Amino acid sequence: MQEDLDFILEDTEDSMKKAINHLESELIKIRAGKVSPTMLDGITVEYYDAPTPINQIANVTVQDARTLTIQPWEKKMLAQIDRAIMGANIGVTPQNDGVQIRLFMPPLTEERRRELYKKASGEGEQAKVAIRNIRRDSIEQIKKLQKDGLSEDIAKGSEKEIQDLTDKFIALVEKHLASKEKEMMTI
């Protein structure tokens, strides 16, 4: 019975950590000021009939604070990378010169910054919902154990531990959002 309880608590914490990791990876993709090669994470190109991330078929480098350069290892991939970036709708039109693709990021306006913050807040809200769903599922598992003979005191204590974990991870989401807002609103 105790090992089942330990497993539930451990699984709850692992799942909540995964929700935070997902939030972090989504927040990285939201441009906050200067460009980063990670902005292209998640954009794939058909390469020999397999969807392949851009950074696996080209050199992606930061030329300056607002310019990203993509130089494919095979020139025939230029057009496909260009189309993939346009299709990803990241707010930038690729400039293809036949050798490489340049992405010139326009300076962020106040309105665009607010739009991006709303997007980041949406990601944060999704992470909070995921964490709360994990809490709900874990508490349901504890209640099943209680029906199978787990004492009420131990069950209540475990539920409190799960609630404490939930509070801790929701605070972490808030911290990430505050950090991203500060990064976005700094000119």
N, C-alpha and C. Protein backbone atom coordinates (compact mmCIF):
# COMPACT_ATOMS: atom_id res chain seq x y z
N MET A 1 0.83 -1.19 0.00
CA MET A 1 0.00 0.00 0.00
C MET A 1 0.89 1.26 0.00
N GLN A 2 1.92 1.28 0.87
CA GLN A 2 2.79 2.45 0.97
C GLN A 2 3.59 2.64 -0.32
N GLU A 3 4.01 1.52 -0.92
CA GLU A 3 4.78 1.67 -2.17
C GLU A 3 3.89 2.19 -3.29
N ASP A 4 2.59 1.83 -3.28
CA ASP A 4 1.66 2.39 -4.26
C ASP A 4 1.55 3.90 -4.06
N LEU A 5 1.47 4.30 -2.82
CA LEU A 5 1.36 5.72 -2.48
C LEU A 5 2.62 6.48 -2.91
N ASP A 6 3.78 5.88 -2.62
CA ASP A 6 5.05 6.50 -3.02
C ASP A 6 5.12 6.63 -4.55
N PHE A 7 4.64 5.58 -5.24
CA PHE A 7 4.65 5.62 -6.70
C PHE A 7 3.76 6.74 -7.22
N ILE A 8 2.57 6.90 -6.63
CA ILE A 8 1.65 7.96 -7.05
C ILE A 8 2.29 9.33 -6.85
N LEU A 9 2.89 9.54 -5.69
CA LEU A 9 3.53 10.84 -5.40
C LEU A 9 4.69 11.11 -6.36
N GLU A 10 5.50 10.09 -6.61
CA GLU A 10 6.65 10.24 -7.50
C GLU A 10 6.18 10.53 -8.93
N ASP A 11 5.16 9.77 -9.36
CA ASP A 11 4.62 9.95 -10.71
C ASP A 11 4.00 11.34 -10.87
N THR A 12 3.34 11.81 -9.82
CA THR A 12 2.74 13.15 -9.85
C THR A 12 3.80 14.21 -10.05
N GLU A 13 4.88 14.11 -9.26
CA GLU A 13 5.95 15.10 -9.38
C GLU A 13 6.60 15.05 -10.76
N ASP A 14 6.87 13.84 -11.28
CA ASP A 14 7.47 13.70 -12.61
C ASP A 14 6.58 14.32 -13.68
N SER A 15 5.29 14.05 -13.60
CA SER A 15 4.36 14.59 -14.59
C SER A 15 4.31 16.12 -14.53
N MET A 16 4.34 16.66 -13.33
CA MET A 16 4.32 18.11 -13.18
C MET A 16 5.61 18.74 -13.71
N LYS A 17 6.73 18.05 -13.51
CA LYS A 17 8.00 18.54 -14.06
C LYS A 17 7.95 18.56 -15.58
N LYS A 18 7.31 17.53 -16.16
CA LYS A 18 7.18 17.48 -17.62
C LYS A 18 6.33 18.65 -18.12
N ALA A 19 5.29 19.00 -17.37
CA ALA A 19 4.45 20.14 -17.75
C ALA A 19 5.28 21.43 -17.74
N ILE A 20 6.14 21.58 -16.74
CA ILE A 20 7.01 22.77 -16.65
C ILE A 20 8.01 22.77 -17.81
N ASN A 21 8.60 21.60 -18.11
CA ASN A 21 9.56 21.52 -19.22
C ASN A 21 8.90 21.90 -20.54
N HIS A 22 7.67 21.44 -20.72
CA HIS A 22 6.93 21.79 -21.94
C HIS A 22 6.70 23.30 -22.00
N LEU A 23 6.31 23.89 -20.88
CA LEU A 23 6.10 25.34 -20.83
C LEU A 23 7.39 26.07 -21.20
N GLU A 24 8.49 25.64 -20.63
CA GLU A 24 9.78 26.28 -20.92
C GLU A 24 10.10 26.22 -22.41
N SER A 25 9.88 25.04 -23.03
CA SER A 25 10.19 24.90 -24.45
C SER A 25 9.27 25.77 -25.31
N GLU A 26 8.02 25.92 -24.90
CA GLU A 26 7.09 26.79 -25.64
C GLU A 26 7.44 28.26 -25.46
N LEU A 27 7.85 28.65 -24.27
CA LEU A 27 8.20 30.05 -24.02
C LEU A 27 9.46 30.46 -24.78
N ILE A 28 10.38 29.52 -24.96
CA ILE A 28 11.61 29.81 -25.72
C ILE A 28 11.27 30.18 -27.16
N LYS A 29 10.24 29.55 -27.71
CA LYS A 29 9.87 29.79 -29.10
C LYS A 29 9.25 31.17 -29.30
N ILE A 30 8.79 31.79 -28.23
CA ILE A 30 8.17 33.11 -28.35
C ILE A 30 9.27 34.16 -28.29
N ARG A 31 9.44 34.87 -29.39
CA ARG A 31 10.53 35.85 -29.50
C ARG A 31 10.28 37.02 -28.58
N ALA A 32 11.31 37.40 -27.86
CA ALA A 32 11.13 38.46 -26.88
C ALA A 32 11.93 39.72 -27.19
N GLY A 33 12.81 39.68 -28.09
CA GLY A 33 13.62 40.87 -28.36
C GLY A 33 14.69 40.53 -29.37
N LYS A 34 15.68 39.81 -28.91
CA LYS A 34 16.73 39.41 -29.85
C LYS A 34 16.40 38.03 -30.42
N VAL A 35 16.93 37.75 -31.59
CA VAL A 35 16.63 36.49 -32.26
C VAL A 35 17.42 35.34 -31.63
N SER A 36 16.92 34.14 -31.86
CA SER A 36 17.58 32.95 -31.35
C SER A 36 17.28 31.80 -32.31
N PRO A 37 18.26 30.93 -32.57
CA PRO A 37 18.00 29.78 -33.44
C PRO A 37 16.87 28.88 -32.93
N THR A 38 16.59 28.94 -31.63
CA THR A 38 15.52 28.09 -31.09
C THR A 38 14.15 28.53 -31.59
N MET A 39 14.06 29.73 -32.18
CA MET A 39 12.78 30.19 -32.73
C MET A 39 12.29 29.26 -33.82
N LEU A 40 13.23 28.55 -34.47
CA LEU A 40 12.86 27.67 -35.57
C LEU A 40 12.58 26.25 -35.10
N ASP A 41 12.74 25.98 -33.81
CA ASP A 41 12.43 24.65 -33.29
C ASP A 41 10.96 24.36 -33.55
N GLY A 42 10.69 23.17 -33.99
CA GLY A 42 9.30 22.81 -34.24
C GLY A 42 8.92 22.99 -35.71
N ILE A 43 9.75 23.70 -36.49
CA ILE A 43 9.47 23.85 -37.92
C ILE A 43 10.23 22.74 -38.64
N THR A 44 9.49 21.93 -39.39
CA THR A 44 10.12 20.81 -40.09
C THR A 44 10.00 20.97 -41.59
N VAL A 45 10.92 20.32 -42.30
CA VAL A 45 10.99 20.36 -43.76
C VAL A 45 11.02 18.91 -44.24
N GLU A 46 10.35 18.64 -45.36
CA GLU A 46 10.42 17.30 -45.95
C GLU A 46 11.83 17.10 -46.51
N TYR A 47 12.56 16.15 -45.95
CA TYR A 47 13.92 15.88 -46.39
C TYR A 47 14.02 14.38 -46.60
N TYR A 48 14.13 13.97 -47.87
CA TYR A 48 14.12 12.55 -48.23
C TYR A 48 12.91 11.84 -47.61
N ASP A 49 11.75 12.41 -47.84
CA ASP A 49 10.45 11.86 -47.40
C ASP A 49 10.29 11.72 -45.90
N ALA A 50 11.05 12.48 -45.14
CA ALA A 50 10.90 12.45 -43.68
C ALA A 50 10.87 13.88 -43.16
N PRO A 51 9.92 14.20 -42.28
CA PRO A 51 9.91 15.55 -41.70
C PRO A 51 11.14 15.73 -40.81
N THR A 52 11.95 16.72 -41.14
CA THR A 52 13.22 16.93 -40.44
C THR A 52 13.30 18.37 -39.94
N PRO A 53 13.73 18.57 -38.69
CA PRO A 53 13.90 19.94 -38.19
C PRO A 53 14.93 20.71 -39.01
N ILE A 54 14.71 22.00 -39.16
CA ILE A 54 15.60 22.83 -39.98
C ILE A 54 17.04 22.77 -39.50
N ASN A 55 17.24 22.74 -38.17
CA ASN A 55 18.62 22.75 -37.66
C ASN A 55 19.38 21.45 -37.95
N GLN A 56 18.69 20.42 -38.50
CA GLN A 56 19.37 19.19 -38.85
C GLN A 56 19.73 19.12 -40.33
N ILE A 57 19.28 20.12 -41.12
CA ILE A 57 19.62 20.13 -42.54
C ILE A 57 20.31 21.43 -42.96
N ALA A 58 20.56 22.31 -41.99
CA ALA A 58 21.17 23.60 -42.32
C ALA A 58 21.88 24.18 -41.09
N ASN A 59 22.81 25.08 -41.36
CA ASN A 59 23.42 25.86 -40.28
C ASN A 59 22.50 27.03 -39.99
N VAL A 60 22.11 27.17 -38.74
CA VAL A 60 21.27 28.30 -38.33
C VAL A 60 22.12 29.14 -37.39
N THR A 61 22.39 30.38 -37.82
CA THR A 61 23.26 31.24 -37.01
C THR A 61 22.61 32.61 -36.79
N VAL A 62 23.04 33.25 -35.72
CA VAL A 62 22.58 34.60 -35.42
C VAL A 62 23.62 35.55 -36.01
N GLN A 63 23.18 36.36 -36.97
CA GLN A 63 24.10 37.29 -37.61
C GLN A 63 24.26 38.54 -36.76
N ASP A 64 23.16 39.08 -36.27
CA ASP A 64 23.17 40.19 -35.33
C ASP A 64 21.92 40.08 -34.48
N ALA A 65 21.63 41.07 -33.66
CA ALA A 65 20.52 40.98 -32.71
C ALA A 65 19.17 40.77 -33.37
N ARG A 66 19.04 41.14 -34.66
CA ARG A 66 17.75 41.02 -35.32
C ARG A 66 17.78 40.18 -36.59
N THR A 67 18.88 39.51 -36.89
CA THR A 67 18.99 38.74 -38.14
C THR A 67 19.42 37.30 -37.86
N LEU A 68 18.67 36.39 -38.44
CA LEU A 68 18.97 34.96 -38.34
C LEU A 68 19.34 34.49 -39.74
N THR A 69 20.41 33.70 -39.88
CA THR A 69 20.85 33.21 -41.18
C THR A 69 20.73 31.69 -41.21
N ILE A 70 20.14 31.19 -42.29
CA ILE A 70 19.98 29.75 -42.46
C ILE A 70 20.69 29.36 -43.74
N GLN A 71 21.71 28.52 -43.64
CA GLN A 71 22.45 28.09 -44.81
C GLN A 71 22.35 26.57 -44.90
N PRO A 72 21.51 26.07 -45.83
CA PRO A 72 21.33 24.61 -45.95
C PRO A 72 22.59 23.93 -46.49
N TRP A 73 22.75 22.68 -46.12
CA TRP A 73 23.90 21.93 -46.60
C TRP A 73 23.70 21.50 -48.05
N GLU A 74 22.46 21.43 -48.49
CA GLU A 74 22.15 21.13 -49.89
C GLU A 74 21.34 22.29 -50.43
N LYS A 75 21.80 22.91 -51.54
CA LYS A 75 21.14 24.11 -52.07
C LYS A 75 19.70 23.84 -52.47
N LYS A 76 19.39 22.61 -52.87
CA LYS A 76 18.03 22.31 -53.32
C LYS A 76 17.01 22.45 -52.18
N MET A 77 17.49 22.50 -50.95
CA MET A 77 16.59 22.61 -49.80
C MET A 77 16.15 24.05 -49.51
N LEU A 78 16.78 25.03 -50.17
CA LEU A 78 16.46 26.44 -49.92
C LEU A 78 14.96 26.72 -50.06
N ALA A 79 14.39 26.30 -51.17
CA ALA A 79 12.97 26.60 -51.44
C ALA A 79 12.06 25.93 -50.41
N GLN A 80 12.40 24.69 -50.05
CA GLN A 80 11.56 23.98 -49.07
C GLN A 80 11.64 24.62 -47.69
N ILE A 81 12.85 25.04 -47.29
CA ILE A 81 13.01 25.71 -45.99
C ILE A 81 12.22 27.02 -46.01
N ASP A 82 12.34 27.75 -47.13
CA ASP A 82 11.62 29.01 -47.30
C ASP A 82 10.11 28.79 -47.11
N ARG A 83 9.55 27.77 -47.79
CA ARG A 83 8.12 27.47 -47.69
C ARG A 83 7.73 27.06 -46.27
N ALA A 84 8.58 26.27 -45.62
CA ALA A 84 8.28 25.81 -44.26
C ALA A 84 8.21 26.99 -43.29
N ILE A 85 9.13 27.94 -43.43
CA ILE A 85 9.13 29.11 -42.55
C ILE A 85 7.89 29.97 -42.81
N MET A 86 7.54 30.15 -44.07
CA MET A 86 6.33 30.91 -44.41
C MET A 86 5.09 30.22 -43.82
N GLY A 87 5.05 28.89 -43.94
CA GLY A 87 3.91 28.12 -43.44
C GLY A 87 3.81 28.12 -41.93
N ALA A 88 4.95 28.29 -41.24
CA ALA A 88 4.96 28.27 -39.78
C ALA A 88 4.39 29.56 -39.19
N ASN A 89 4.30 30.60 -40.02
CA ASN A 89 3.71 31.86 -39.60
C ASN A 89 4.34 32.41 -38.31
N ILE A 90 5.66 32.59 -38.36
CA ILE A 90 6.35 33.12 -37.18
C ILE A 90 6.48 34.64 -37.22
N GLY A 91 5.83 35.25 -38.20
CA GLY A 91 5.79 36.71 -38.25
C GLY A 91 6.95 37.33 -39.01
N VAL A 92 7.64 36.52 -39.83
CA VAL A 92 8.80 37.02 -40.57
C VAL A 92 8.76 36.44 -41.98
N THR A 93 9.11 37.27 -42.97
CA THR A 93 9.20 36.80 -44.34
C THR A 93 10.65 36.47 -44.65
N PRO A 94 10.95 35.23 -45.04
CA PRO A 94 12.32 34.84 -45.34
C PRO A 94 12.85 35.54 -46.60
N GLN A 95 14.11 35.93 -46.58
CA GLN A 95 14.78 36.54 -47.73
C GLN A 95 15.76 35.53 -48.29
N ASN A 96 15.44 34.95 -49.45
CA ASN A 96 16.24 33.90 -50.06
C ASN A 96 17.11 34.52 -51.15
N ASP A 97 18.45 34.42 -51.01
CA ASP A 97 19.34 35.00 -52.02
C ASP A 97 19.99 33.93 -52.90
N GLY A 98 19.50 32.70 -52.83
CA GLY A 98 20.03 31.62 -53.65
C GLY A 98 21.14 30.84 -52.98
N VAL A 99 21.71 31.37 -51.92
CA VAL A 99 22.77 30.69 -51.17
C VAL A 99 22.32 30.42 -49.74
N GLN A 100 21.66 31.39 -49.17
CA GLN A 100 21.18 31.27 -47.80
C GLN A 100 19.88 32.03 -47.63
N ILE A 101 19.24 31.79 -46.51
CA ILE A 101 18.00 32.49 -46.19
C ILE A 101 18.28 33.37 -44.99
N ARG A 102 17.83 34.62 -45.09
CA ARG A 102 17.97 35.54 -43.95
C ARG A 102 16.59 35.86 -43.42
N LEU A 103 16.49 35.88 -42.11
CA LEU A 103 15.25 36.29 -41.47
C LEU A 103 15.55 37.58 -40.72
N PHE A 104 14.97 38.68 -41.20
CA PHE A 104 15.15 39.98 -40.55
C PHE A 104 13.96 40.18 -39.62
N MET A 105 14.22 40.22 -38.34
CA MET A 105 13.15 40.39 -37.36
C MET A 105 12.90 41.88 -37.16
N PRO A 106 11.67 42.31 -37.39
CA PRO A 106 11.37 43.73 -37.16
C PRO A 106 11.40 44.02 -35.67
N PRO A 107 11.69 45.28 -35.31
CA PRO A 107 11.66 45.61 -33.88
C PRO A 107 10.22 45.44 -33.37
N LEU A 108 10.11 45.00 -32.14
CA LEU A 108 8.79 44.75 -31.58
C LEU A 108 8.12 46.05 -31.17
N THR A 109 6.89 46.21 -31.61
CA THR A 109 6.10 47.37 -31.18
C THR A 109 5.46 47.01 -29.85
N GLU A 110 4.94 48.03 -29.17
CA GLU A 110 4.27 47.81 -27.89
C GLU A 110 3.10 46.84 -28.07
N GLU A 111 2.36 47.05 -29.17
CA GLU A 111 1.21 46.19 -29.45
C GLU A 111 1.64 44.74 -29.67
N ARG A 112 2.71 44.55 -30.43
CA ARG A 112 3.21 43.19 -30.71
C ARG A 112 3.71 42.53 -29.41
N ARG A 113 4.36 43.31 -28.57
CA ARG A 113 4.84 42.78 -27.29
C ARG A 113 3.66 42.28 -26.45
N ARG A 114 2.59 43.06 -26.43
CA ARG A 114 1.40 42.65 -25.66
C ARG A 114 0.78 41.38 -26.25
N GLU A 115 0.77 41.31 -27.59
CA GLU A 115 0.26 40.12 -28.27
C GLU A 115 1.09 38.88 -27.88
N LEU A 116 2.40 39.04 -27.91
CA LEU A 116 3.29 37.93 -27.55
C LEU A 116 3.11 37.55 -26.08
N TYR A 117 2.89 38.55 -25.23
CA TYR A 117 2.69 38.24 -23.81
C TYR A 117 1.39 37.47 -23.62
N LYS A 118 0.36 37.83 -24.40
CA LYS A 118 -0.90 37.07 -24.32
C LYS A 118 -0.67 35.63 -24.72
N LYS A 119 0.14 35.43 -25.75
CA LYS A 119 0.46 34.07 -26.20
C LYS A 119 1.20 33.32 -25.09
N ALA A 120 2.17 33.99 -24.47
CA ALA A 120 2.92 33.37 -23.38
C ALA A 120 2.00 33.06 -22.20
N SER A 121 1.09 33.98 -21.91
CA SER A 121 0.13 33.75 -20.82
C SER A 121 -0.76 32.55 -21.12
N GLY A 122 -1.15 32.41 -22.38
CA GLY A 122 -1.95 31.25 -22.79
C GLY A 122 -1.20 29.95 -22.55
N GLU A 123 0.09 29.95 -22.89
CA GLU A 123 0.92 28.76 -22.64
C GLU A 123 1.00 28.48 -21.14
N GLY A 124 1.14 29.55 -20.35
CA GLY A 124 1.20 29.40 -18.90
C GLY A 124 -0.10 28.82 -18.36
N GLU A 125 -1.21 29.29 -18.89
CA GLU A 125 -2.51 28.79 -18.44
C GLU A 125 -2.67 27.31 -18.79
N GLN A 126 -2.20 26.93 -19.98
CA GLN A 126 -2.25 25.50 -20.35
C GLN A 126 -1.41 24.65 -19.39
N ALA A 127 -0.26 25.18 -18.99
CA ALA A 127 0.58 24.44 -18.05
C ALA A 127 -0.12 24.30 -16.70
N LYS A 128 -0.79 25.37 -16.25
CA LYS A 128 -1.51 25.30 -14.98
C LYS A 128 -2.64 24.28 -15.05
N VAL A 129 -3.36 24.27 -16.17
CA VAL A 129 -4.45 23.30 -16.34
C VAL A 129 -3.89 21.88 -16.31
N ALA A 130 -2.76 21.68 -16.99
CA ALA A 130 -2.14 20.35 -17.00
C ALA A 130 -1.76 19.92 -15.58
N ILE A 131 -1.18 20.85 -14.82
CA ILE A 131 -0.78 20.54 -13.45
C ILE A 131 -2.00 20.22 -12.59
N ARG A 132 -3.06 20.98 -12.75
CA ARG A 132 -4.28 20.71 -11.97
C ARG A 132 -4.91 19.37 -12.36
N ASN A 133 -4.84 19.03 -13.65
CA ASN A 133 -5.36 17.72 -14.08
C ASN A 133 -4.55 16.58 -13.48
N ILE A 134 -3.25 16.78 -13.40
CA ILE A 134 -2.37 15.77 -12.79
C ILE A 134 -2.75 15.61 -11.32
N ARG A 135 -2.99 16.74 -10.64
CA ARG A 135 -3.41 16.70 -9.23
C ARG A 135 -4.70 15.91 -9.09
N ARG A 136 -5.69 16.23 -9.92
CA ARG A 136 -6.99 15.55 -9.86
C ARG A 136 -6.83 14.04 -10.04
N ASP A 137 -6.06 13.63 -11.07
CA ASP A 137 -5.87 12.21 -11.33
C ASP A 137 -5.18 11.51 -10.16
N SER A 138 -4.19 12.18 -9.58
CA SER A 138 -3.46 11.58 -8.45
C SER A 138 -4.36 11.42 -7.23
N ILE A 139 -5.17 12.43 -6.97
CA ILE A 139 -6.07 12.35 -5.82
C ILE A 139 -7.10 11.24 -6.04
N GLU A 140 -7.56 11.07 -7.27
CA GLU A 140 -8.48 9.96 -7.56
C GLU A 140 -7.82 8.61 -7.30
N GLN A 141 -6.55 8.49 -7.66
CA GLN A 141 -5.82 7.24 -7.40
C GLN A 141 -5.72 6.99 -5.90
N ILE A 142 -5.49 8.03 -5.12
CA ILE A 142 -5.40 7.89 -3.66
C ILE A 142 -6.75 7.46 -3.10
N LYS A 143 -7.82 8.02 -3.62
CA LYS A 143 -9.16 7.65 -3.14
C LYS A 143 -9.46 6.18 -3.45
N LYS A 144 -8.97 5.70 -4.59
CA LYS A 144 -9.15 4.27 -4.91
C LYS A 144 -8.38 3.41 -3.90
N LEU A 145 -7.16 3.87 -3.57
CA LEU A 145 -6.38 3.14 -2.57
C LEU A 145 -7.10 3.14 -1.22
N GLN A 146 -7.74 4.26 -0.91
CA GLN A 146 -8.47 4.37 0.36
C GLN A 146 -9.62 3.37 0.39
N LYS A 147 -10.30 3.18 -0.73
CA LYS A 147 -11.37 2.19 -0.79
C LYS A 147 -10.83 0.78 -0.62
N ASP A 148 -9.57 0.58 -1.05
CA ASP A 148 -8.93 -0.74 -0.94
C ASP A 148 -8.30 -0.97 0.43
N GLY A 149 -8.46 -0.01 1.35
CA GLY A 149 -7.99 -0.25 2.71
C GLY A 149 -6.97 0.72 3.26
N LEU A 150 -6.59 1.73 2.50
CA LEU A 150 -5.65 2.73 3.00
C LEU A 150 -6.35 3.57 4.07
N SER A 151 -5.65 3.87 5.16
CA SER A 151 -6.28 4.63 6.24
C SER A 151 -6.57 6.07 5.79
N GLU A 152 -7.61 6.65 6.38
CA GLU A 152 -8.06 7.99 6.00
C GLU A 152 -6.98 9.03 6.30
N ASP A 153 -6.28 8.88 7.43
CA ASP A 153 -5.24 9.84 7.81
C ASP A 153 -4.11 9.87 6.78
N ILE A 154 -3.67 8.69 6.38
CA ILE A 154 -2.58 8.61 5.39
C ILE A 154 -3.05 9.19 4.06
N ALA A 155 -4.29 8.88 3.67
CA ALA A 155 -4.85 9.39 2.42
C ALA A 155 -4.90 10.92 2.44
N LYS A 156 -5.39 11.48 3.54
CA LYS A 156 -5.48 12.95 3.66
C LYS A 156 -4.09 13.58 3.62
N GLY A 157 -3.14 12.95 4.29
CA GLY A 157 -1.76 13.46 4.29
C GLY A 157 -1.17 13.45 2.88
N SER A 158 -1.45 12.37 2.15
CA SER A 158 -0.94 12.27 0.77
C SER A 158 -1.60 13.30 -0.13
N GLU A 159 -2.90 13.53 0.08
CA GLU A 159 -3.60 14.53 -0.71
C GLU A 159 -3.02 15.92 -0.44
N LYS A 160 -2.65 16.16 0.82
CA LYS A 160 -2.04 17.45 1.16
C LYS A 160 -0.67 17.58 0.49
N GLU A 161 0.09 16.47 0.45
CA GLU A 161 1.39 16.50 -0.23
C GLU A 161 1.22 16.83 -1.71
N ILE A 162 0.20 16.23 -2.33
CA ILE A 162 -0.06 16.49 -3.74
C ILE A 162 -0.47 17.95 -3.94
N GLN A 163 -1.28 18.48 -3.04
CA GLN A 163 -1.68 19.88 -3.14
C GLN A 163 -0.46 20.80 -2.98
N ASP A 164 0.44 20.45 -2.07
CA ASP A 164 1.67 21.24 -1.89
C ASP A 164 2.52 21.23 -3.16
N LEU A 165 2.62 20.03 -3.79
CA LEU A 165 3.36 19.93 -5.05
C LEU A 165 2.70 20.82 -6.11
N THR A 166 1.37 20.76 -6.17
CA THR A 166 0.63 21.56 -7.14
C THR A 166 0.91 23.04 -6.93
N ASP A 167 0.84 23.49 -5.69
CA ASP A 167 1.11 24.90 -5.38
C ASP A 167 2.52 25.30 -5.79
N LYS A 168 3.47 24.41 -5.52
CA LYS A 168 4.88 24.67 -5.85
C LYS A 168 5.05 24.84 -7.38
N PHE A 169 4.44 23.93 -8.14
CA PHE A 169 4.62 23.97 -9.59
C PHE A 169 3.84 25.12 -10.24
N ILE A 170 2.70 25.48 -9.68
CA ILE A 170 1.94 26.63 -10.21
C ILE A 170 2.73 27.90 -9.94
N ALA A 171 3.39 27.98 -8.78
CA ALA A 171 4.24 29.14 -8.48
C ALA A 171 5.40 29.20 -9.48
N LEU A 172 5.92 28.04 -9.87
CA LEU A 172 7.00 27.98 -10.86
C LEU A 172 6.52 28.50 -12.22
N VAL A 173 5.29 28.14 -12.60
CA VAL A 173 4.71 28.65 -13.85
C VAL A 173 4.64 30.17 -13.78
N GLU A 174 4.16 30.70 -12.66
CA GLU A 174 4.05 32.16 -12.49
C GLU A 174 5.42 32.83 -12.60
N LYS A 175 6.42 32.18 -12.03
CA LYS A 175 7.78 32.72 -12.07
C LYS A 175 8.29 32.78 -13.52
N HIS A 176 8.04 31.71 -14.28
CA HIS A 176 8.45 31.68 -15.69
C HIS A 176 7.74 32.78 -16.49
N LEU A 177 6.45 32.94 -16.23
CA LEU A 177 5.69 33.97 -16.95
C LEU A 177 6.18 35.38 -16.59
N ALA A 178 6.46 35.60 -15.33
CA ALA A 178 6.96 36.92 -14.91
C ALA A 178 8.30 37.21 -15.56
N SER A 179 9.15 36.20 -15.64
CA SER A 179 10.46 36.34 -16.26
C SER A 179 10.31 36.66 -17.76
N LYS A 180 9.39 35.95 -18.42
CA LYS A 180 9.17 36.16 -19.86
C LYS A 180 8.58 37.55 -20.10
N GLU A 181 7.68 37.99 -19.23
CA GLU A 181 7.08 39.32 -19.39
C GLU A 181 8.16 40.39 -19.25
N LYS A 182 9.04 40.24 -18.28
CA LYS A 182 10.12 41.20 -18.08
C LYS A 182 11.01 41.24 -19.32
N GLU A 183 11.32 40.06 -19.85
CA GLU A 183 12.16 39.94 -21.04
C GLU A 183 11.48 40.61 -22.24
N MET A 184 10.17 40.41 -22.38
CA MET A 184 9.44 40.96 -23.52
C MET A 184 9.26 42.46 -23.45
N MET A 185 9.01 42.97 -22.28
CA MET A 185 8.70 44.38 -22.14
C MET A 185 9.95 45.26 -22.06
N THR A 186 11.13 44.62 -21.95
CA THR A 186 12.38 45.38 -21.95
C THR A 186 12.75 45.69 -23.40
N ILE A 187 13.00 46.96 -23.66
CA ILE A 187 13.31 47.36 -25.06
C ILE A 187 14.81 47.34 -25.26
